[in-house]
């Protein structure tokens, strides 16, 4: 339940998604997340840091930890399902 609570908070999954390819600085991450407010981004990053899913590097960029990469991998089936769902909705809209 703790994981569902953490992942259910707005923006947390998006942050994990945006960090999947490597470290990102605060401002770049904010831009990738549709320019969410800096206070919300700080709060979400603090939650993910406390959960050991994200780490802040010496250059202040944020990156997924091993646990964070594991969380991303665990979410991959959901991504595949959502792609199939979107395709189904797209076909339904055309009929």
C-alpha atoms as a PDB file:
ATOM      1  CA  UNK A   1       0.000   0.000   0.000  1.00  0.00           C
ATOM      2  CA  UNK A   2       2.894   2.371   0.680  1.00  0.00           C
ATOM      3  CA  UNK A   3       4.127   2.002  -2.901  1.00  0.00           C
ATOM      4  CA  UNK A   4       0.655   2.618  -4.315  1.00  0.00           C
ATOM      5  CA  UNK A   5       0.341   5.694  -2.127  1.00  0.00           C
ATOM      6  CA  UNK A   6       3.717   7.011  -3.312  1.00  0.00           C
ATOM      7  CA  UNK A   7       3.083   6.281  -6.979  1.00  0.00           C
ATOM      8  CA  UNK A   8      -0.462   7.615  -6.750  1.00  0.00           C
ATOM      9  CA  UNK A   9       0.697  11.106  -5.855  1.00  0.00           C
ATOM     10  CA  UNK A  10       0.541  13.443  -8.807  1.00  0.00           C
ATOM     11  CA  UNK A  11       3.840  13.789 -10.670  1.00  0.00           C
ATOM     12  CA  UNK A  12       5.795  11.012  -8.919  1.00  0.00           C
ATOM     13  CA  UNK A  13       5.394   8.548 -11.790  1.00  0.00           C
ATOM     14  CA  UNK A  14       6.166  11.293 -14.293  1.00  0.00           C
ATOM     15  CA  UNK A  15       9.398  12.141 -12.487  1.00  0.00           C
ATOM     16  CA  UNK A  16      10.465   8.497 -12.524  1.00  0.00           C
ATOM     17  CA  UNK A  17       9.558   8.333 -16.214  1.00  0.00           C
ATOM     18  CA  UNK A  18      11.609  11.439 -17.017  1.00  0.00           C
ATOM     19  CA  UNK A  19      14.659  10.129 -15.136  1.00  0.00           C
ATOM     20  CA  UNK A  20      14.666   6.744 -16.896  1.00  0.00           C
ATOM     21  CA  UNK A  21      17.327   7.812 -19.420  1.00  0.00           C
ATOM     22  CA  UNK A  22      19.722   9.380 -16.960  1.00  0.00           C
ATOM     23  CA  UNK A  23      20.351  12.298 -14.608  1.00  0.00           C
ATOM     24  CA  UNK A  24      18.447  15.554 -15.103  1.00  0.00           C
ATOM     25  CA  UNK A  25      18.863  18.919 -13.405  1.00  0.00           C
ATOM     26  CA  UNK A  26      16.042  20.593 -11.512  1.00  0.00           C
ATOM     27  CA  UNK A  27      15.073  23.170 -14.142  1.00  0.00           C
ATOM     28  CA  UNK A  28      15.245  20.675 -17.008  1.00  0.00           C
ATOM     29  CA  UNK A  29      13.135  18.230 -15.011  1.00  0.00           C
ATOM     30  CA  UNK A  30      10.630  20.987 -14.276  1.00  0.00           C
ATOM     31  CA  UNK A  31      10.372  21.746 -18.008  1.00  0.00           C
ATOM     32  CA  UNK A  32       9.968  18.061 -18.885  1.00  0.00           C
ATOM     33  CA  UNK A  33       7.125  17.879 -16.370  1.00  0.00           C
ATOM     34  CA  UNK A  34       5.079  20.564 -18.123  1.00  0.00           C
ATOM     35  CA  UNK A  35       6.596  23.351 -16.016  1.00  0.00           C
ATOM     36  CA  UNK A  36       5.022  22.221 -12.766  1.00  0.00           C
ATOM     37  CA  UNK A  37       5.571  24.633  -9.915  1.00  0.00           C
ATOM     38  CA  UNK A  38       8.992  24.503  -8.315  1.00  0.00           C
ATOM     39  CA  UNK A  39       7.483  23.977  -4.854  1.00  0.00           C
ATOM     40  CA  UNK A  40       5.551  20.892  -6.012  1.00  0.00           C
ATOM     41  CA  UNK A  41       8.617  19.510  -7.797  1.00  0.00           C
ATOM     42  CA  UNK A  42      10.720  19.999  -4.660  1.00  0.00           C
ATOM     43  CA  UNK A  43       8.083  18.252  -2.550  1.00  0.00           C
ATOM     44  CA  UNK A  44       7.833  15.311  -4.956  1.00  0.00           C
ATOM     45  CA  UNK A  45      11.601  14.992  -5.256  1.00  0.00           C
ATOM     46  CA  UNK A  46      11.876  15.005  -1.451  1.00  0.00           C
ATOM     47  CA  UNK A  47       9.341  12.164  -1.284  1.00  0.00           C
ATOM     48  CA  UNK A  48      11.242  10.169  -3.904  1.00  0.00           C
ATOM     49  CA  UNK A  49      14.580  10.918  -2.216  1.00  0.00           C
ATOM     50  CA  UNK A  50      13.180   9.763   1.143  1.00  0.00           C
ATOM     51  CA  UNK A  51      11.901   6.579  -0.529  1.00  0.00           C
ATOM     52  CA  UNK A  52      15.399   5.971  -1.989  1.00  0.00           C
ATOM     53  CA  UNK A  53      14.036   5.906  -5.549  1.00  0.00           C
ATOM     54  CA  UNK A  54      15.881   9.071  -6.576  1.00  0.00           C
ATOM     55  CA  UNK A  55      19.286  10.404  -5.575  1.00  0.00           C
ATOM     56  CA  UNK A  56      20.763  13.857  -5.972  1.00  0.00           C
ATOM     57  CA  UNK A  57      24.204  13.777  -7.513  1.00  0.00           C
ATOM     58  CA  UNK A  58      27.162  15.987  -6.648  1.00  0.00           C
ATOM     59  CA  UNK A  59      26.389  18.221  -9.646  1.00  0.00           C
ATOM     60  CA  UNK A  60      22.838  18.603  -8.195  1.00  0.00           C
ATOM     61  CA  UNK A  61      21.218  16.593 -11.003  1.00  0.00           C
ATOM     62  CA  UNK A  62      18.661  13.970 -10.011  1.00  0.00           C
ATOM     63  CA  UNK A  63      18.917  10.322 -11.041  1.00  0.00           C
ATOM     64  CA  UNK A  64      17.139   7.070 -10.370  1.00  0.00           C
ATOM     65  CA  UNK A  65      18.746   4.803  -7.795  1.00  0.00           C
ATOM     66  CA  UNK A  66      18.855   1.028  -8.268  1.00  0.00           C
ATOM     67  CA  UNK A  67      15.507   0.899  -6.444  1.00  0.00           C
ATOM     68  CA  UNK A  68      14.158   3.613  -8.723  1.00  0.00           C
ATOM     69  CA  UNK A  69      15.262   1.730 -11.833  1.00  0.00           C
ATOM     70  CA  UNK A  70      13.594  -1.353 -10.376  1.00  0.00           C
ATOM     71  CA  UNK A  71      10.380   0.614  -9.869  1.00  0.00           C
ATOM     72  CA  UNK A  72      10.540   1.812 -13.476  1.00  0.00           C
ATOM     73  CA  UNK A  73      11.036  -1.765 -14.692  1.00  0.00           C
ATOM     74  CA  UNK A  74       8.120  -2.941 -12.545  1.00  0.00           C
ATOM     75  CA  UNK A  75       5.923  -0.302 -14.184  1.00  0.00           C
ATOM     76  CA  UNK A  76       6.811  -1.344 -17.756  1.00  0.00           C
ATOM     77  CA  UNK A  77       3.866  -3.793 -18.016  1.00  0.00           C
ATOM     78  CA  UNK A  78       1.559  -0.893 -17.156  1.00  0.00           C
ATOM     79  CA  UNK A  79       3.098   1.105 -20.005  1.00  0.00           C
ATOM     80  CA  UNK A  80       2.463  -1.785 -22.426  1.00  0.00           C
ATOM     81  CA  UNK A  81      -1.110  -2.091 -21.187  1.00  0.00           C
ATOM     82  CA  UNK A  82      -1.724   1.647 -21.534  1.00  0.00           C
ATOM     83  CA  UNK A  83      -0.396   1.544 -25.124  1.00  0.00           C
ATOM     84  CA  UNK A  84      -2.866  -1.252 -25.938  1.00  0.00           C
ATOM     85  CA  UNK A  85      -5.653   0.667 -24.221  1.00  0.00           C
ATOM     86  CA  UNK A  86      -4.844   3.836 -26.198  1.00  0.00           C
ATOM     87  CA  UNK A  87      -4.887   1.827 -29.434  1.00  0.00           C
ATOM     88  CA  UNK A  88      -8.286   0.379 -28.557  1.00  0.00           C
ATOM     89  CA  UNK A  89      -9.676   3.821 -27.788  1.00  0.00           C
ATOM     90  CA  UNK A  90      -8.236   5.151 -31.033  1.00  0.00           C
ATOM     91  CA  UNK A  91      -9.928   2.394 -33.039  1.00  0.00           C
ATOM     92  CA  UNK A  92     -13.213   2.974 -31.192  1.00  0.00           C
ATOM     93  CA  UNK A  93     -13.053   6.703 -32.005  1.00  0.00           C
ATOM     94  CA  UNK A  94     -12.718   5.921 -35.721  1.00  0.00           C
ATOM     95  CA  UNK A  95     -15.832   3.739 -35.825  1.00  0.00           C
END
